[in-house]
Each structure stands twice: as C-alpha cells, then as structure tokens.
Protein backbone atom coordinates (compact mmCIF):
# COMPACT_ATOMS: atom_id res chain seq x y z
CA MET A 1 31.61 -51.07 -21.38
CA ALA A 2 31.34 -47.96 -23.56
CA ASN A 3 28.41 -45.86 -22.81
CA THR A 4 27.83 -46.38 -26.69
CA ASP A 5 26.79 -49.80 -26.11
CA TRP A 6 24.25 -49.34 -23.00
CA HIS A 7 22.25 -47.09 -25.66
CA GLN A 8 22.97 -49.84 -28.37
CA ARG A 9 21.60 -52.55 -26.12
CA ALA A 10 18.45 -50.37 -25.20
CA ALA A 11 17.84 -49.66 -28.44
CA ALA A 12 18.04 -53.63 -29.25
CA LEU A 13 16.10 -54.86 -26.08
CA ASP A 14 13.38 -56.65 -26.97
CA ILE A 15 10.81 -56.12 -23.66
CA ASP A 16 8.51 -58.48 -22.44
CA GLY A 17 5.31 -56.92 -20.25
CA ARG A 18 3.10 -59.54 -19.90
CA ALA A 19 2.21 -61.24 -16.60
CA PHE A 20 4.14 -64.51 -15.05
CA ILE A 21 1.55 -66.65 -14.13
CA ASN A 22 2.42 -70.72 -12.88
CA GLY A 23 5.51 -70.82 -15.10
CA GLN A 24 4.12 -68.91 -18.11
CA ARG A 25 4.21 -64.85 -19.66
CA VAL A 26 0.22 -64.31 -19.71
CA GLY A 27 -1.59 -60.94 -20.92
CA ALA A 28 -3.86 -60.03 -18.60
CA VAL A 29 -7.61 -61.60 -18.22
CA SER A 30 -9.13 -58.96 -19.34
CA GLU A 31 -6.43 -57.68 -22.58
CA GLN A 32 -5.68 -54.71 -21.32
CA THR A 33 -2.06 -53.41 -20.82
CA PHE A 34 -0.33 -49.64 -19.92
CA ASP A 35 2.63 -48.09 -21.52
CA LYS A 36 5.63 -47.80 -19.95
CA HIS A 37 7.77 -45.07 -20.92
CA SER A 38 11.39 -44.50 -19.60
CA PRO A 39 11.86 -41.88 -17.44
CA ILE A 40 15.48 -41.74 -19.16
CA ASP A 41 13.72 -39.80 -22.15
CA GLY A 42 10.36 -40.76 -22.65
CA ARG A 43 10.53 -43.20 -25.07
CA LEU A 44 8.12 -46.41 -25.49
CA LEU A 45 9.93 -49.22 -23.78
CA THR A 46 7.04 -51.86 -24.03
CA LYS A 47 3.53 -52.15 -22.95
CA VAL A 48 3.03 -54.01 -19.59
CA ALA A 49 -0.19 -56.61 -18.77
CA ARG A 50 -2.74 -54.11 -16.71
CA GLY A 51 -3.44 -57.12 -14.04
CA ASP A 52 -6.45 -56.69 -11.75
CA ALA A 53 -8.55 -58.74 -9.57
CA ALA A 54 -8.71 -62.22 -12.39
CA ASP A 55 -5.17 -62.17 -12.52
CA ILE A 56 -4.58 -61.63 -8.88
CA ASP A 57 -6.95 -64.21 -8.87
CA ALA A 58 -4.92 -66.68 -11.23
CA ALA A 59 -1.49 -66.47 -9.86
CA VAL A 60 -2.91 -67.27 -6.16
CA VAL A 61 -4.89 -70.26 -7.69
CA ALA A 62 -1.66 -71.50 -9.25
CA ALA A 63 0.30 -70.75 -5.98
CA ARG A 64 -1.98 -72.11 -3.46
CA ALA A 65 -1.68 -75.44 -5.97
CA ALA A 66 1.99 -75.02 -5.44
CA PHE A 67 1.72 -74.61 -2.13
CA ASP A 68 -0.28 -77.70 -1.48
CA ASP A 69 1.31 -80.25 -3.68
CA ARG A 70 4.59 -79.43 -1.81
CA ARG A 71 6.51 -78.66 -5.28
CA TRP A 72 8.20 -76.53 -3.44
CA ALA A 73 7.25 -76.73 0.30
CA GLY A 74 8.20 -80.54 0.36
CA LYS A 75 11.58 -80.43 -0.67
CA SER A 76 14.80 -80.67 1.69
CA PRO A 77 15.94 -77.29 3.08
CA ALA A 78 19.16 -78.26 1.46
CA GLN A 79 17.19 -79.03 -1.67
CA ARG A 80 15.68 -75.52 -1.73
CA LYS A 81 18.96 -74.13 -0.85
CA ARG A 82 20.54 -75.44 -4.07
CA THR A 83 18.26 -74.08 -6.05
CA LEU A 84 18.67 -70.33 -4.85
CA ILE A 85 22.00 -70.58 -5.29
CA LYS A 86 21.93 -71.41 -8.83
CA PHE A 87 18.86 -68.68 -8.85
CA ALA A 88 21.41 -66.22 -7.46
CA ASP A 89 24.51 -67.28 -9.56
CA LEU A 90 21.92 -66.72 -12.86
CA VAL A 91 20.97 -63.40 -11.62
CA LEU A 92 24.36 -62.69 -11.98
CA LYS A 93 24.77 -63.77 -15.48
CA ASN A 94 22.21 -61.70 -16.38
CA THR A 95 23.26 -58.54 -14.85
CA ALA A 96 23.69 -56.82 -18.04
CA GLU A 97 20.31 -56.91 -18.86
CA LEU A 98 18.66 -56.57 -15.40
CA ALA A 99 20.83 -53.69 -14.85
CA LEU A 100 19.72 -52.42 -18.23
CA LEU A 101 15.95 -53.09 -17.55
CA GLU A 102 16.20 -51.03 -13.87
CA THR A 103 17.87 -48.20 -15.58
CA LEU A 104 15.17 -48.08 -18.79
CA ASP A 105 12.14 -48.65 -16.41
CA MET A 106 13.44 -46.05 -13.17
CA GLY A 107 16.12 -43.92 -14.23
CA LYS A 108 19.16 -44.92 -11.75
CA PRO A 109 22.37 -44.67 -13.01
CA ILE A 110 23.51 -47.49 -14.99
CA LYS A 111 26.55 -46.99 -13.06
CA TYR A 112 24.84 -47.73 -10.04
CA SER A 113 22.38 -50.62 -11.33
CA GLN A 114 25.56 -52.60 -12.50
CA SER A 115 27.34 -52.36 -9.31
CA VAL A 116 24.95 -52.31 -6.49
CA ASP A 117 21.37 -53.52 -7.61
CA VAL A 118 22.24 -56.85 -9.47
CA PRO A 119 24.60 -57.39 -7.01
CA SER A 120 22.85 -56.91 -4.11
CA CYS A 121 19.74 -58.60 -5.32
CA ALA A 122 22.26 -61.94 -5.88
CA ASN A 123 23.47 -61.30 -2.66
CA CYS A 124 20.34 -61.45 -0.50
CA ILE A 125 18.88 -64.85 -3.08
CA ARG A 126 21.82 -66.56 -2.17
CA TRP A 127 22.33 -65.28 1.51
CA TYR A 128 18.91 -66.75 2.46
CA GLY A 129 19.62 -70.06 0.45
CA GLU A 130 22.66 -70.79 2.77
CA ALA A 131 20.59 -69.45 5.21
CA ILE A 132 17.46 -72.11 5.46
CA ASP A 133 19.37 -75.56 6.46
CA LYS A 134 21.21 -73.63 9.32
CA ILE A 135 17.50 -72.83 11.30
CA TYR A 136 17.00 -75.23 13.88
CA ASP A 137 13.47 -75.71 15.65
CA GLU A 138 13.53 -76.42 19.04
CA ILE A 139 12.39 -79.17 21.99
CA ALA A 140 10.75 -77.33 24.83
CA PRO A 141 11.64 -78.71 28.51
CA THR A 142 8.50 -81.02 29.39
CA ALA A 143 8.00 -84.07 31.87
CA ASP A 144 9.46 -87.22 31.20
CA ASN A 145 6.48 -88.66 29.53
CA SER A 146 6.16 -85.77 27.15
CA LEU A 147 7.65 -84.24 23.95
CA ALA A 148 7.25 -81.08 22.92
CA LEU A 149 8.58 -80.41 19.53
CA ILE A 150 8.72 -76.49 18.62
CA THR A 151 8.71 -75.97 14.71
CA ARG A 152 8.77 -73.67 12.12
CA GLU A 153 6.12 -74.11 8.99
CA PRO A 154 5.96 -71.82 5.90
CA VAL A 155 2.61 -69.62 6.05
CA GLY A 156 1.76 -70.76 2.67
CA VAL A 157 1.30 -67.71 0.29
CA VAL A 158 2.81 -64.87 0.07
CA GLY A 159 1.55 -61.75 -1.36
CA ALA A 160 4.63 -59.22 -1.81
CA ILE A 161 4.28 -55.16 -3.46
CA VAL A 162 7.55 -53.65 -3.68
CA PRO A 163 8.22 -50.03 -4.91
CA TRP A 164 9.57 -48.22 -7.82
CA ASN A 165 13.11 -47.09 -5.68
CA TYR A 166 15.09 -50.35 -5.80
CA PRO A 167 12.84 -52.84 -8.01
CA LEU A 168 15.57 -55.72 -7.93
CA ILE A 169 16.51 -55.21 -4.54
CA MET A 170 13.28 -54.75 -2.27
CA THR A 171 12.03 -57.82 -4.54
CA ALA A 172 14.67 -59.74 -3.17
CA TRP A 173 13.64 -58.76 0.41
CA LYS A 174 10.65 -59.74 -0.24
CA ILE A 175 11.38 -62.97 -2.07
CA ALA A 176 14.07 -64.92 -0.48
CA PRO A 177 13.52 -65.27 2.65
CA ALA A 178 9.70 -66.47 1.75
CA LEU A 179 11.03 -68.58 -0.91
CA ALA A 180 13.79 -70.30 1.11
CA ALA A 181 10.92 -70.88 4.00
CA GLY A 182 8.72 -73.26 1.57
CA ASN A 183 6.02 -70.85 0.42
CA SER A 184 4.46 -69.71 -2.81
CA VAL A 185 4.69 -65.91 -3.72
CA VAL A 186 2.89 -63.88 -6.10
CA LEU A 187 4.54 -60.33 -6.57
CA LYS A 188 2.69 -57.49 -7.32
CA PRO A 189 5.75 -54.86 -8.77
CA SER A 190 4.96 -51.17 -9.03
CA GLU A 191 3.41 -50.22 -12.46
CA LYS A 192 6.76 -47.36 -12.51
CA SER A 193 8.98 -50.25 -12.52
CA PRO A 194 7.89 -53.57 -13.57
CA LEU A 195 10.43 -54.87 -15.68
CA SER A 196 12.77 -56.45 -14.17
CA ALA A 197 10.74 -58.20 -11.62
CA LEU A 198 9.17 -60.23 -14.62
CA LYS A 199 12.63 -61.02 -15.94
CA LEU A 200 13.41 -62.13 -12.58
CA ALA A 201 10.43 -64.62 -12.64
CA GLU A 202 11.73 -66.32 -15.92
CA ILE A 203 15.18 -66.67 -14.43
CA ALA A 204 13.67 -68.23 -11.14
CA LEU A 205 12.28 -71.10 -13.39
CA GLU A 206 15.18 -71.29 -14.84
CA ALA A 207 17.03 -72.05 -12.05
CA GLY A 208 14.74 -74.91 -11.13
CA ILE A 209 11.86 -72.92 -8.36
CA PRO A 210 9.03 -74.83 -9.88
CA ALA A 211 6.17 -73.40 -11.84
CA GLY A 212 3.41 -71.85 -9.72
CA VAL A 213 5.88 -70.78 -6.69
CA PHE A 214 7.07 -67.32 -7.77
CA ASN A 215 4.32 -65.15 -9.98
CA VAL A 216 4.41 -61.56 -10.84
CA VAL A 217 1.51 -59.92 -11.79
CA PRO A 218 1.59 -56.50 -12.91
CA GLY A 219 -0.84 -53.51 -12.47
CA TYR A 220 -2.04 -50.38 -10.44
CA GLY A 221 -2.37 -50.65 -7.21
CA HIS A 222 -5.57 -49.39 -6.82
CA GLU A 223 -6.42 -52.75 -9.18
CA ALA A 224 -4.08 -55.26 -8.80
CA GLY A 225 -2.76 -54.26 -5.21
CA ALA A 226 -5.97 -53.98 -3.48
CA ALA A 227 -6.93 -57.33 -4.91
CA LEU A 228 -3.71 -58.93 -3.52
CA ALA A 229 -4.36 -57.39 0.30
CA LEU A 230 -8.05 -58.33 -0.34
CA HIS A 231 -7.54 -61.91 -1.22
CA MET A 232 -9.20 -64.51 0.87
CA ASP A 233 -6.48 -67.43 -0.01
CA VAL A 234 -3.65 -64.77 0.51
CA ASP A 235 -1.75 -65.70 4.04
CA CYS A 236 0.44 -63.06 4.49
CA ILE A 237 0.88 -59.74 2.82
CA ALA A 238 4.08 -57.69 2.98
CA PHE A 239 4.45 -54.11 1.71
CA THR A 240 6.71 -51.50 0.87
CA GLY A 241 5.78 -48.28 -0.46
CA SER A 242 4.52 -45.13 1.01
CA THR A 243 2.79 -44.76 4.59
CA PRO A 244 -0.64 -43.55 3.07
CA VAL A 245 -0.60 -46.89 0.85
CA GLY A 246 0.31 -49.23 4.05
CA LYS A 247 -1.98 -48.01 5.91
CA LYS A 248 -4.98 -49.38 3.26
CA ILE A 249 -2.30 -52.57 3.17
CA MET A 250 -3.76 -53.25 6.92
CA GLN A 251 -6.96 -52.45 6.54
CA MET A 252 -7.52 -54.56 3.56
CA ALA A 253 -5.58 -57.40 5.45
CA GLY A 254 -7.82 -57.00 8.68
CA GLN A 255 -11.21 -56.73 6.55
CA SER A 256 -10.56 -59.53 4.59
CA ASN A 257 -8.95 -62.98 5.89
CA LEU A 258 -6.90 -61.17 8.86
CA LYS A 259 -4.06 -62.11 7.11
CA ARG A 260 -0.42 -61.24 8.31
CA ALA A 261 0.59 -57.57 7.04
CA TRP A 262 3.99 -56.36 7.18
CA THR A 263 5.35 -52.74 5.72
CA GLU A 264 8.26 -50.93 5.64
CA LEU A 265 6.90 -47.48 4.95
CA GLY A 266 8.41 -44.09 4.86
CA GLY A 267 11.07 -41.57 6.27
CA LYS A 268 12.33 -38.70 7.16
CA SER A 269 15.52 -39.46 8.74
CA ALA A 270 17.74 -37.09 10.77
CA ASN A 271 21.24 -36.96 10.73
CA ILE A 272 23.01 -35.32 13.59
CA VAL A 273 26.80 -33.70 13.39
CA CYS A 274 27.70 -32.16 16.55
CA ALA A 275 30.55 -29.63 16.81
CA ASP A 276 32.96 -32.54 18.11
CA CYS A 277 32.42 -35.25 15.13
CA PRO A 278 36.02 -36.98 14.56
CA ASP A 279 36.12 -36.43 11.01
CA LEU A 280 34.12 -33.30 9.45
CA ASP A 281 34.90 -34.43 5.30
CA ALA A 282 33.52 -37.93 5.91
CA ALA A 283 30.38 -36.65 7.85
CA VAL A 284 29.70 -34.09 4.83
CA LYS A 285 31.39 -36.85 3.05
CA ALA A 286 27.94 -39.13 3.71
CA ALA A 287 25.49 -36.13 4.36
CA ILE A 288 25.66 -35.10 0.36
CA GLY A 289 26.29 -38.67 -0.66
CA SER A 290 23.21 -40.24 0.56
CA ILE A 291 20.81 -37.74 0.07
CA TYR A 292 21.45 -37.76 -3.40
CA PHE A 293 22.37 -41.49 -4.32
CA ASN A 294 19.76 -42.96 -6.06
CA GLN A 295 18.34 -39.23 -6.96
CA GLY A 296 17.09 -38.47 -3.44
CA GLU A 297 14.51 -41.52 -4.11
CA SER A 298 15.36 -43.96 -0.81
CA CYS A 299 12.91 -44.18 2.25
CA ASN A 300 16.16 -43.97 4.52
CA ALA A 301 17.85 -40.91 2.83
CA PRO A 302 19.14 -38.41 5.69
CA SER A 303 16.75 -35.52 4.56
CA ARG A 304 16.71 -33.72 7.52
CA LEU A 305 20.50 -32.46 8.41
CA PHE A 306 20.84 -31.02 12.17
CA VAL A 307 24.18 -29.33 12.81
CA GLU A 308 25.27 -27.64 15.59
CA GLU A 309 26.03 -24.00 14.83
CA SER A 310 29.70 -23.58 15.55
CA ILE A 311 30.68 -25.68 12.75
CA LYS A 312 27.46 -25.16 10.49
CA GLU A 313 29.38 -22.84 8.18
CA ALA A 314 31.97 -24.85 7.29
CA PHE A 315 30.07 -28.03 6.72
CA LEU A 316 28.37 -25.88 4.56
CA GLU A 317 31.45 -24.94 2.69
CA LYS A 318 32.42 -28.27 2.11
CA ALA A 319 29.25 -29.46 1.13
CA MET A 320 28.48 -26.48 -1.35
CA ALA A 321 32.16 -27.62 -3.00
CA MET A 322 30.48 -31.70 -2.97
CA MET A 323 27.48 -30.43 -5.03
CA PRO A 324 28.61 -30.15 -9.15
CA ARG A 325 29.43 -34.17 -8.35
CA PHE A 326 25.77 -34.82 -8.23
CA GLN A 327 24.56 -32.69 -11.35
CA PRO A 328 22.12 -35.22 -13.40
CA GLY A 329 22.93 -36.78 -16.14
CA ASP A 330 22.20 -39.16 -18.78
CA PRO A 331 21.83 -42.49 -17.28
CA LEU A 332 22.87 -44.73 -19.16
CA ASP A 333 26.66 -42.97 -19.00
CA GLU A 334 28.41 -45.07 -16.74
CA ALA A 335 29.96 -42.05 -15.63
CA THR A 336 26.76 -40.42 -14.40
CA VAL A 337 26.16 -40.39 -10.58
CA MET A 338 22.60 -39.24 -10.36
CA GLY A 339 19.92 -39.94 -13.19
CA ALA A 340 16.35 -39.50 -13.59
CA ILE A 341 13.79 -39.07 -11.19
CA VAL A 342 11.02 -41.64 -11.81
CA ASP A 343 8.08 -40.13 -13.53
CA ALA A 344 6.05 -36.57 -14.02
CA THR A 345 4.00 -37.35 -11.00
CA GLN A 346 6.72 -37.59 -9.05
CA MET A 347 8.84 -34.70 -10.49
CA LYS A 348 6.07 -32.39 -9.84
CA THR A 349 5.95 -33.77 -6.34
CA VAL A 350 9.67 -33.06 -5.61
CA MET A 351 9.51 -29.40 -7.46
CA GLY A 352 6.71 -28.54 -5.20
CA TYR A 353 8.30 -28.81 -2.50
CA ILE A 354 11.19 -27.00 -3.61
CA GLU A 355 8.75 -24.40 -4.19
CA ALA A 356 6.96 -24.92 -0.68
CA GLY A 357 10.45 -24.39 1.12
CA LYS A 358 11.02 -21.32 -1.23
CA ALA A 359 7.80 -19.66 0.07
CA ALA A 360 8.44 -20.49 3.54
CA GLY A 361 11.71 -18.90 3.73
CA ALA A 362 14.16 -21.42 3.95
CA LYS A 363 17.67 -20.39 2.17
CA LEU A 364 17.87 -21.97 -1.61
CA LEU A 365 22.01 -22.58 -1.40
CA SER A 366 22.18 -24.38 -4.69
CA GLY A 367 19.71 -26.47 -7.19
CA GLY A 368 16.66 -26.31 -7.04
CA GLU A 369 15.96 -26.51 -10.57
CA ALA A 370 14.82 -28.80 -13.49
CA ALA A 371 17.33 -30.32 -15.79
CA ARG A 372 17.95 -31.39 -19.23
CA GLY A 373 14.72 -30.70 -19.84
CA ASP A 374 15.27 -30.81 -23.88
CA THR A 375 15.79 -35.01 -23.42
CA GLY A 376 12.52 -35.48 -22.74
CA GLY A 377 12.71 -37.01 -19.03
CA PHE A 378 12.81 -36.16 -15.65
CA TYR A 379 15.45 -34.68 -13.71
CA ILE A 380 16.03 -32.56 -10.98
CA THR A 381 19.42 -30.64 -9.67
CA PRO A 382 20.51 -31.79 -6.28
CA THR A 383 18.81 -29.09 -4.56
CA LEU A 384 20.44 -27.49 -0.60
CA PHE A 385 18.36 -25.47 1.67
CA ASP A 386 19.81 -23.63 4.68
CA GLN A 387 17.91 -21.90 7.35
CA VAL A 388 15.18 -24.63 7.83
CA ASP A 389 13.11 -24.92 10.96
CA SER A 390 11.25 -28.06 12.14
CA GLY A 391 7.02 -26.63 11.29
CA MET A 392 8.52 -26.25 7.74
CA SER A 393 7.19 -28.82 4.88
CA ILE A 394 10.08 -30.18 3.80
CA ALA A 395 11.68 -30.26 7.47
CA ARG A 396 8.11 -32.57 7.93
CA GLU A 397 7.06 -34.21 5.16
CA GLU A 398 8.35 -37.40 2.73
CA ILE A 399 9.93 -35.69 -0.57
CA PHE A 400 11.35 -38.64 -2.19
CA GLY A 401 13.59 -36.49 -4.13
CA PRO A 402 17.22 -34.83 -4.50
CA VAL A 403 16.27 -32.27 -1.56
CA LEU A 404 18.92 -31.86 1.83
CA SER A 405 16.78 -29.78 4.85
CA VAL A 406 19.75 -27.79 6.67
CA LEU A 407 18.29 -27.49 10.70
CA GLY A 408 20.68 -25.84 13.30
CA PHE A 409 21.23 -26.61 16.80
CA THR A 410 23.08 -25.49 19.79
CA ASP A 411 21.94 -28.23 22.23
CA ILE A 412 21.69 -32.06 21.40
CA ASN A 413 19.00 -32.57 23.48
CA GLU A 414 16.89 -30.07 21.43
CA ALA A 415 18.34 -31.79 18.17
CA ILE A 416 16.92 -35.39 19.27
CA ARG A 417 13.70 -33.54 20.16
CA GLN A 418 13.13 -32.51 16.46
CA ALA A 419 14.72 -35.57 15.12
CA ASN A 420 12.11 -37.54 16.70
CA SER A 421 8.93 -35.17 16.53
CA THR A 422 7.97 -36.99 13.27
CA PRO A 423 5.44 -39.80 12.76
CA TYR A 424 8.38 -41.58 11.11
CA GLY A 425 11.29 -43.56 12.10
CA LEU A 426 13.39 -45.43 9.61
CA GLN A 427 16.68 -44.39 10.37
CA ALA A 428 18.99 -41.61 11.79
CA ALA A 429 22.72 -40.93 12.59
CA VAL A 430 24.67 -38.75 14.97
CA TRP A 431 28.34 -37.65 14.60
CA THR A 432 30.45 -37.36 18.00
CA ARG A 433 33.81 -38.35 19.26
CA ASP A 434 32.05 -38.69 22.81
CA MET A 435 31.03 -42.51 22.52
CA THR A 436 28.67 -41.41 25.51
CA LYS A 437 27.05 -39.05 23.54
CA ALA A 438 26.56 -41.16 21.14
CA ILE A 439 25.06 -43.86 22.83
CA GLN A 440 22.80 -41.75 25.17
CA THR A 441 21.76 -40.39 21.31
CA ALA A 442 21.84 -43.45 19.75
CA ARG A 443 19.19 -44.90 22.68
CA SER A 444 17.11 -41.85 22.53
CA LEU A 445 16.18 -42.12 18.76
CA ARG A 446 13.23 -43.34 18.06
CA ALA A 447 14.68 -45.03 14.85
CA GLY A 448 14.96 -48.96 13.59
CA THR A 449 18.30 -47.98 12.41
CA VAL A 450 20.69 -45.54 14.59
CA HIS A 451 23.96 -44.68 12.38
CA VAL A 452 27.48 -43.43 14.51
CA ASN A 453 29.88 -41.60 12.87
CA GLN A 454 28.92 -43.19 9.84
CA TYR A 455 25.54 -43.55 7.44
CA ASP A 456 24.00 -45.47 5.08
CA ASN A 457 26.41 -48.87 5.87
CA ASP A 458 24.45 -51.92 5.37
CA ASP A 459 24.78 -56.01 5.25
CA ILE A 460 21.84 -58.27 4.35
CA THR A 461 23.51 -59.87 8.13
CA VAL A 462 21.06 -57.14 9.82
CA PRO A 463 17.73 -56.24 9.70
CA PHE A 464 16.15 -53.07 8.65
CA GLY A 465 12.55 -51.67 9.20
CA GLY A 466 10.75 -48.87 11.42
CA VAL A 467 9.20 -47.58 14.27
CA LYS A 468 5.76 -45.72 14.38
CA GLN A 469 4.52 -44.28 10.90
CA SER A 470 7.37 -46.13 9.21
CA GLY A 471 6.25 -49.72 9.83
CA ASN A 472 6.49 -53.14 11.32
CA GLY A 473 8.27 -55.83 11.09
CA ARG A 474 11.93 -56.47 9.64
CA ASP A 475 13.50 -57.17 6.21
CA LYS A 476 17.06 -58.67 5.68
CA SER A 477 18.67 -60.88 8.53
CA LEU A 478 17.33 -63.74 10.05
CA HIS A 479 14.72 -62.13 11.58
CA ALA A 480 12.98 -61.90 8.32
CA ILE A 481 12.14 -65.31 8.39
CA ASP A 482 10.21 -64.92 11.60
CA LYS A 483 7.52 -62.56 8.45
CA TYR A 484 7.12 -65.68 6.61
CA THR A 485 6.74 -68.59 9.21
CA GLU A 486 4.18 -69.78 11.67
CA LEU A 487 5.28 -71.58 15.28
CA LYS A 488 3.95 -75.20 15.51
CA THR A 489 3.98 -76.74 18.89
CA THR A 490 3.34 -80.45 18.85
CA TRP A 491 2.70 -83.14 22.09
CA ILE A 492 4.17 -86.29 22.31
CA GLN A 493 2.98 -88.85 24.90
CA ILE A 494 5.67 -90.81 25.40
CA GLY A 495 4.52 -94.46 27.21
C-alpha cells in the first residue's frame, strides 16, 4: 500500500477512546478523559476515558456475573475453540485498522505493525483456541474402592495490565490463555497505548465472546491499575511492565485478597560473542537488528553486548556499517524500520542515559541525538557506545530505548559473571562454534531464555518469562494455562 494511503487513512480514522465494559462502549463514571497524542507528530488522536476505581469495579462486576452464570466458562472447550478461532480470523480481517492504531498510538513503523504485531496477536489467539480441547486432566492411582480426579478449573476473574511497547501482542499473551481456559477478563492497557486493545474488545464481541467476558478499562496506573490489583473480587492479576511497578502489583495482590500475581518485568539482556563465533556477520546482524527493533523498546532487547577482545574491532566495523539502516523515519512510511519513541517522558529518560554514558567515559561511536524535531514527534538516532564498563548506569539499568553498550572480555567465565551481575534475568545469548562451551555457558546464564548462535528467535510454542527481578510465571506455550487455572482434586468412593 502506498505511503500516502496510510496518511490518508490516519486522517480519516474515527477513534473511539471510551472504555469497553459488559459489551458496550461507555465513558468513565467520573466523565473524565485524557488526551491521547501520537508520538509520530504530536497530533491529537482522541480523548480517552480516564477510568478509575469506579470503572474497574463496574468491569469486575460484569466479569464476575459472566463467570458465575457460565455464559463462557460453561461452554465446552470445542465451543470456546471455535469462537477464539473466529476471533483470530477477525483480527486478521481488521489488520489495516489495528496496525494503523498501533503505529499512531505508540510510534512503531507501520511496516512491523502490519507484518509482526497484528499477525502475532491473531496467531496467539488462534493457538490457544486450538490448544484448549487438547489438554487432558488426570486420574490418580488409588485403591480399588476410590477414584481420584485431578481437574483444571478456570480461576474466575482475571485482571491483566499490559505495557505500551507491544500493545496487541502483550494483550494477546494475557487474554488468549485466560479466555481459552474459561475465565472472564478485565484488561487495563497502558495509558500511552490504549487504542488497539479497545478495538480488540469490539472484535471479540463480534466473534461471539459474550458480553462481560472481556472488558477493557483505559486509565492511569495509579488509578485504574492500582484499583484492579487491589480489587477484592479479582482472582488473579497478570502484569507486564517495569520491575518497580511489578513489585507494587505483588504488594497490592497480597494486601487485598491474596490474589495470584504473575509478572513479566524488566531486563538487561546480555549477548556474548566469542572469538570462535561461527558466523560473525550473523552475530552482528542479530545484535544490531535486535537492539534497534521497536526503537529499542523491548524488555528482552540485548542491550549489553559482550565481545571477545580479539574480534571486537572487526565486529564494531561491521556494526558501524549497519547503523545507517536504522535511522528513524516516518512511521507511516512502509520503508521505515525505526519509528518514534513513545512519548516525551520516555524520550527524556533515554536521552538522560545517553548523557550519563558520555559523562561516565563511554565512547560514543554513533547516534546519541534527538532527530526529526521538526515533525513534532519523538525520535532518537540509534546509539552505540564502546568502552563501557559494568559499573556504568548504561550497563546496569534498563534504558528501554535504542542504546547499545559494548563491553570487551578475554575470559568467558568473566563475561558470564558480568552478564549475571544484574537484578534482571530475562534473556541472554552466546555465540560460539564450541558446543561444549555453548551448553556450559547457557547453563550458567541466569535467564529465562538463552539463545545459542542466534538472538530473538521466538514462537508461541515456547514459554517466555524471567528469573530474579524479571518476574515470575511464564507467558506463551501451554505453560501459560497454569497461571489461569486451579487444580481441583475430587475423591469418589466406589462401592
């Protein structure tokens, strides 16, 4: 589709920012709204309902009623499967609108909203739909006079809070397994990117998911998000976001009704490239492509690059040759591969880390500047630092922007030690042709996912999550079903 068509579509788009509760679009009980501006150029997209405790309560009441009368939970797995597959089909049918909302809302290139985010969302919903009638319960070994059944049951009302970097994908990762298992859901999207989730709720209703089963309440974290985590009638809270907020979510879960709390939090992922890397070009392409994808706004971005000293010069030469490909451009241009930073606050944060890196003595090889300032949007050139040491803030703290820190090493054990010397443990990688070294390193790295001779390969069939302060529980794969189901044992006397 021509670039001008995306701009024309954006100009003609009629965006509804109201909440979606019990199958209907509704304004906030308080009648308050907040302005949603696009990070692309600062345009006002719409006024969004500013949900708070009253709106969360209305959504939870609707979700509880839907769960208790079993309008969804009471359907057979095969029936839920058919509905979720239709839901996935309708997501794909609405690809253009959903992709445009995603790009306008949080700044990612339309190229990827179309080819990655919407298809991944639909695939996740379809996969859990297909999976749910293939999960069997158990019969325990007992004496002849008893039958012991071990069955899975939906937990009830699931609260979900998702971030702004991958709104559609993160929403799907939460709601698909929860809905497949028979739960009702109240979703609180980030106030920075609520629009695609609101549209998704409309599509779910069209697919046949009953009113009240999937509700979306936009609003600020300290108002709507806190109310959801503290609500006494929410049985489970699933959160993706920063580690500091994740800690608060767990505290709120405990101080309320001791609801289950599942968190996928921050990361400072280490990518270790050894001198015996089997394909240096592939390692460079993966390192650069992964850190600058989605403007570096990815929790699993390989923001710490450890390169063995004997190949570091060659590696950096190849890396520098790639930098021009990732210059920020118009997100509505299908040729653009790096778009806008989500808002002024995040822009300031990232630029602050860049200045801190320079002040600490790191060598700025490329980027480090604001760009496209005349557009009214928020853009940063891809930034590459060399001569970074592990004590610098750019090597220790999650930046969530297009900033790569390069650290040299001569001893793989020291590289592993530094890689693990962080409160995070989400993802990591090692590049070596020595499989013994690869396996030993993978076992030593404290991370939920470790890649060997690749980075960022992914599939819905494998679990995703972290250790340490990167969170608990797992999204994706059949393991995610565990978060949204309870095990029940039923003893039956025979004779």
